[in-house]
Amino acid sequence: MKTYFLVFNKMNAKKLREIVKAANEFDQCQIYIEYKQMKMNAKSLLSVSLLLGKQGLYCIYATGKNCRTALESLRAICTEEYAL
């Protein structure tokens, strides 16, 4: 299962940590993020750190148990606006 979305604000370190933390809550699910032909494991901070400062079209896909819930959770984190 996969979902696409646009990120208008550049990704910062806090947002990336939130993504990894949320992805690791789904133990029985494999979750990957694609951005401009780069594929990274959403459960790895080292992999996801490649998204630092990036904006544009993202694809998150997941397989396994509760993959729909995982996608909805990560999409909500990625698309929420920054509080000023």
C-alpha atoms as a PDB file:
ATOM      1  CA  MET A   1       0.000   0.000   0.000  1.00  0.00           C
ATOM      2  CA  LYS A   2       1.335   3.455  -0.857  1.00  0.00           C
ATOM      3  CA  THR A   3       0.426   7.119  -0.648  1.00  0.00           C
ATOM      4  CA  TYR A   4       1.765  10.272  -2.294  1.00  0.00           C
ATOM      5  CA  PHE A   5       1.805  13.796  -0.881  1.00  0.00           C
ATOM      6  CA  LEU A   6       3.492  17.164  -1.318  1.00  0.00           C
ATOM      7  CA  VAL A   7       5.700  18.723   1.334  1.00  0.00           C
ATOM      8  CA  PHE A   8       5.805  22.503   0.946  1.00  0.00           C
ATOM      9  CA  ASN A   9       8.064  23.340   3.911  1.00  0.00           C
ATOM     10  CA  LYS A  10      11.558  21.927   3.995  1.00  0.00           C
ATOM     11  CA  MET A  11      12.026  18.944   6.298  1.00  0.00           C
ATOM     12  CA  ASN A  12      13.901  19.736   9.507  1.00  0.00           C
ATOM     13  CA  ALA A  13      15.575  17.438  12.038  1.00  0.00           C
ATOM     14  CA  LYS A  14      12.660  17.557  14.487  1.00  0.00           C
ATOM     15  CA  LYS A  15      10.181  16.446  11.835  1.00  0.00           C
ATOM     16  CA  LEU A  16      12.501  13.639  10.711  1.00  0.00           C
ATOM     17  CA  ARG A  17      12.816  12.345  14.289  1.00  0.00           C
ATOM     18  CA  GLU A  18       9.010  12.335  14.569  1.00  0.00           C
ATOM     19  CA  ILE A  19       8.767  10.283  11.364  1.00  0.00           C
ATOM     20  CA  VAL A  20      11.269   7.685  12.584  1.00  0.00           C
ATOM     21  CA  LYS A  21       9.627   7.488  16.009  1.00  0.00           C
ATOM     22  CA  ALA A  22       6.186   6.975  14.480  1.00  0.00           C
ATOM     23  CA  ALA A  23       7.470   4.395  11.977  1.00  0.00           C
ATOM     24  CA  ASN A  24       9.097   2.365  14.745  1.00  0.00           C
ATOM     25  CA  GLU A  25       5.744   2.069  16.532  1.00  0.00           C
ATOM     26  CA  PHE A  26       4.676  -0.356  13.788  1.00  0.00           C
ATOM     27  CA  ASP A  27       6.884  -3.383  14.501  1.00  0.00           C
ATOM     28  CA  GLN A  28       5.183  -5.762  12.051  1.00  0.00           C
ATOM     29  CA  CYS A  29       5.250  -3.318   9.155  1.00  0.00           C
ATOM     30  CA  GLN A  30       7.987  -2.484   6.656  1.00  0.00           C
ATOM     31  CA  ILE A  31       7.852   1.219   5.783  1.00  0.00           C
ATOM     32  CA  TYR A  32       9.834   3.029   3.090  1.00  0.00           C
ATOM     33  CA  ILE A  33       9.941   6.626   1.875  1.00  0.00           C
ATOM     34  CA  GLU A  34      10.767   7.547  -1.716  1.00  0.00           C
ATOM     35  CA  TYR A  35      11.910  10.990  -2.791  1.00  0.00           C
ATOM     36  CA  LYS A  36      13.369  11.725  -6.239  1.00  0.00           C
ATOM     37  CA  GLN A  37      14.516   8.154  -6.953  1.00  0.00           C
ATOM     38  CA  MET A  38      15.928   7.718  -3.431  1.00  0.00           C
ATOM     39  CA  LYS A  39      14.420   4.926  -1.348  1.00  0.00           C
ATOM     40  CA  MET A  40      14.997   4.898   2.391  1.00  0.00           C
ATOM     41  CA  ASN A  41      13.869   2.894   5.404  1.00  0.00           C
ATOM     42  CA  ALA A  42      11.493   5.063   7.441  1.00  0.00           C
ATOM     43  CA  LYS A  43      12.597   3.316  10.650  1.00  0.00           C
ATOM     44  CA  SER A  44      16.217   4.422  10.261  1.00  0.00           C
ATOM     45  CA  LEU A  45      17.224   7.947  11.271  1.00  0.00           C
ATOM     46  CA  LEU A  46      20.394   7.631   9.218  1.00  0.00           C
ATOM     47  CA  SER A  47      18.401   6.805   6.063  1.00  0.00           C
ATOM     48  CA  VAL A  48      15.722   9.435   6.654  1.00  0.00           C
ATOM     49  CA  SER A  49      18.344  12.109   7.358  1.00  0.00           C
ATOM     50  CA  LEU A  50      18.845  12.306   3.576  1.00  0.00           C
ATOM     51  CA  LEU A  51      15.537  14.217   3.517  1.00  0.00           C
ATOM     52  CA  LEU A  52      16.887  17.078   5.642  1.00  0.00           C
ATOM     53  CA  GLY A  53      16.063  20.352   3.889  1.00  0.00           C
ATOM     54  CA  LYS A  54      14.073  18.669   1.108  1.00  0.00           C
ATOM     55  CA  GLN A  55      10.615  19.607  -0.123  1.00  0.00           C
ATOM     56  CA  GLY A  56       8.465  18.261  -2.938  1.00  0.00           C
ATOM     57  CA  LEU A  57       6.618  15.069  -3.836  1.00  0.00           C
ATOM     58  CA  TYR A  58       7.073  12.138  -1.461  1.00  0.00           C
ATOM     59  CA  CYS A  59       5.841   8.555  -1.615  1.00  0.00           C
ATOM     60  CA  ILE A  60       5.466   6.417   1.493  1.00  0.00           C
ATOM     61  CA  TYR A  61       4.703   2.760   1.119  1.00  0.00           C
ATOM     62  CA  ALA A  62       4.231   0.020   3.655  1.00  0.00           C
ATOM     63  CA  THR A  63       3.627  -3.695   3.798  1.00  0.00           C
ATOM     64  CA  GLY A  64       2.587  -5.902   6.678  1.00  0.00           C
ATOM     65  CA  LYS A  65       0.166  -5.690   9.552  1.00  0.00           C
ATOM     66  CA  ASN A  66      -1.499  -2.279  10.154  1.00  0.00           C
ATOM     67  CA  CYS A  67       0.123  -0.742   7.064  1.00  0.00           C
ATOM     68  CA  ARG A  68      -2.886   1.536   6.420  1.00  0.00           C
ATOM     69  CA  THR A  69      -2.653   2.993   9.925  1.00  0.00           C
ATOM     70  CA  ALA A  70       1.100   3.450   9.533  1.00  0.00           C
ATOM     71  CA  LEU A  71       0.683   5.339   6.253  1.00  0.00           C
ATOM     72  CA  GLU A  72      -1.996   7.614   7.680  1.00  0.00           C
ATOM     73  CA  SER A  73       0.140   8.370  10.736  1.00  0.00           C
ATOM     74  CA  LEU A  74       3.278   9.211   8.741  1.00  0.00           C
ATOM     75  CA  ARG A  75       1.382  11.233   6.165  1.00  0.00           C
ATOM     76  CA  ALA A  76      -0.174  13.333   8.942  1.00  0.00           C
ATOM     77  CA  ILE A  77       3.267  14.028  10.429  1.00  0.00           C
ATOM     78  CA  CYS A  78       4.820  14.941   7.074  1.00  0.00           C
ATOM     79  CA  THR A  79       2.046  17.255   5.926  1.00  0.00           C
ATOM     80  CA  GLU A  80       1.324  19.102   9.176  1.00  0.00           C
ATOM     81  CA  GLU A  81       2.288  22.757   9.136  1.00  0.00           C
ATOM     82  CA  TYR A  82       4.997  24.095  11.395  1.00  0.00           C
ATOM     83  CA  ALA A  83       3.809  26.070  14.372  1.00  0.00           C
ATOM     84  CA  LEU A  84       5.130  29.620  14.383  1.00  0.00           C
END
